Protein backbone atom coordinates (compact mmCIF):
# COMPACT_ATOMS: atom_id res chain seq x y z
CA UNK A 1 -0.21 0.12 0.06
CA UNK A 2 1.07 3.16 -0.63
CA UNK A 3 -0.13 4.41 2.93
CA UNK A 4 -1.34 1.80 5.62
CA UNK A 5 -2.79 3.38 9.13
CA UNK A 6 -4.14 1.31 11.81
CA UNK A 7 -5.67 3.16 14.34
CA UNK A 8 -4.84 2.66 18.08
CA UNK A 9 -8.11 0.74 18.71
CA UNK A 10 -7.52 -1.70 16.11
CA UNK A 11 -3.76 -2.11 17.12
CA UNK A 12 -5.13 -2.97 20.47
CA UNK A 13 -7.47 -5.50 19.96
CA UNK A 14 -5.83 -8.95 18.90
CA UNK A 15 -8.85 -10.42 17.15
CA UNK A 16 -9.59 -7.23 15.25
CA UNK A 17 -5.69 -6.68 14.15
CA UNK A 18 -5.74 -10.42 13.23
CA UNK A 19 -8.39 -10.01 10.98
CA UNK A 20 -7.69 -6.68 9.41
CA UNK A 21 -4.23 -7.89 8.83
CA UNK A 22 -5.64 -10.72 6.84
CA UNK A 23 -8.30 -8.81 4.91
CA UNK A 24 -5.46 -6.37 4.17
CA UNK A 25 -3.50 -8.93 2.45
CA UNK A 26 -6.84 -9.92 0.32
CA UNK A 27 -7.30 -6.41 -0.27
CA UNK A 28 -3.82 -5.96 -1.77
CA UNK A 29 -4.61 -9.01 -3.68
CA UNK A 30 -7.63 -7.57 -5.08
CA UNK A 31 -6.10 -4.34 -6.11
CA UNK A 32 -3.06 -5.87 -7.57
CA UNK A 33 0.87 -4.80 -7.57
CA UNK A 34 0.20 -1.73 -9.62
CA UNK A 35 -2.96 -0.22 -7.64
CA UNK A 36 -1.81 -1.34 -4.54
CA UNK A 37 1.28 0.82 -4.50
CA UNK A 38 -1.35 4.15 -5.42
CA UNK A 39 -4.06 3.69 -2.64
CA UNK A 40 -3.93 4.33 1.06
CA UNK A 41 -5.84 2.20 3.43
CA UNK A 42 -6.98 3.44 7.18
CA UNK A 43 -8.34 0.90 9.47
CA UNK A 44 -10.09 1.75 12.49
CA UNK A 45 -13.10 0.57 14.84
CA UNK A 46 -15.92 1.95 16.68
CA UNK A 47 -18.33 1.18 19.14
CA UNK A 48 -22.20 1.34 18.03
CA UNK A 49 -24.19 0.57 21.01
CA UNK A 50 -22.77 -3.06 21.79
CA UNK A 51 -21.76 -3.58 18.26
CA UNK A 52 -18.15 -3.27 17.36
CA UNK A 53 -17.51 -1.75 13.35
CA UNK A 54 -14.41 -2.24 11.82
CA UNK A 55 -13.89 0.98 9.51
CA UNK A 56 -11.89 1.12 5.93
CA UNK A 57 -11.37 4.12 4.71
CA UNK A 58 -9.46 4.04 0.83
CA UNK A 59 -8.11 6.66 -0.81
CA UNK A 60 -6.12 8.03 -3.82
CA UNK A 61 -4.96 11.26 -5.33
CA UNK A 62 -7.95 11.58 -6.94
CA UNK A 63 -10.35 10.87 -3.84
CA UNK A 64 -8.36 12.00 -0.99
CA UNK A 65 -11.37 12.06 1.40
CA UNK A 66 -11.73 8.10 0.43
CA UNK A 67 -14.69 6.22 0.41
CA UNK A 68 -15.41 4.21 3.61
CA UNK A 69 -16.66 0.65 4.20
CA UNK A 70 -17.92 -0.92 7.68
CA UNK A 71 -17.32 -4.43 8.65
CA UNK A 72 -19.01 -6.54 11.71
CA UNK A 73 -16.13 -8.30 13.11
CA UNK A 74 -17.88 -11.54 12.61
CA UNK A 75 -18.29 -10.36 8.94
CA UNK A 76 -14.25 -10.25 8.24
CA UNK A 77 -14.11 -13.30 9.88
CA UNK A 78 -15.95 -14.99 6.98
CA UNK A 79 -13.38 -14.69 3.98
CA UNK A 80 -16.26 -14.67 1.38
CA UNK A 81 -17.88 -11.85 3.03
CA UNK A 82 -15.09 -9.89 3.53
CA UNK A 83 -13.74 -10.24 0.01
CA UNK A 84 -17.26 -9.30 -1.40
CA UNK A 85 -16.99 -6.50 0.68
CA UNK A 86 -13.36 -5.47 -0.07
CA UNK A 87 -14.40 -5.59 -3.74
CA UNK A 88 -17.44 -3.31 -3.33
CA UNK A 89 -15.05 -0.67 -1.89
CA UNK A 90 -12.33 -0.58 -4.31
CA UNK A 91 -15.29 -0.35 -6.78
CA UNK A 92 -16.82 2.65 -4.85
CA UNK A 93 -13.25 4.19 -4.95
CA UNK A 94 -12.57 3.55 -8.88
CA UNK A 95 -16.40 4.94 -9.51
CA UNK A 96 -15.38 7.97 -7.26
CA UNK A 97 -11.87 8.31 -9.43
CA UNK A 98 -13.53 8.02 -12.45
CA UNK A 99 -16.35 10.93 -11.29
CA UNK A 100 -13.16 13.29 -10.55
CA UNK A 101 -11.27 12.72 -13.54
CA UNK A 102 -14.46 13.03 -15.47
CA UNK A 103 -15.20 16.60 -13.76
CA UNK A 104 -11.43 17.43 -14.49
CA UNK A 105 -11.87 16.53 -17.67
CA UNK A 106 -15.13 18.57 -18.40
CA UNK A 107 -13.79 21.54 -17.09
CA UNK A 108 -10.73 21.65 -19.52
CA UNK A 109 -13.02 21.05 -22.43
CA UNK A 110 -14.92 23.79 -21.29
CA UNK A 111 -12.08 26.14 -21.35
CA UNK A 112 -11.30 25.62 -24.73
């Protein structure tokens, strides 16, 4: 990854840390070597009532605010569910990137 950021909450919970490390490997596999070098991944966790959620924020130079995906801890433990959500997160970032690049192209064309 261009940048990998793990929150204190993630690093302090051994189960979540293990699941995030595994999910991060799946994410890097999904992105491939070229895209992995361009994408920032930030993992954190938060409590919503009694439920612990793991939060992944993916960003790159075109969409620095990133896209956010929430995982229930149990969803990260099931490979097929986790990979599906990671795939969706990557698709969301690509869609945001595409939208941003189209806006920039429209601005260039409009200036001529």
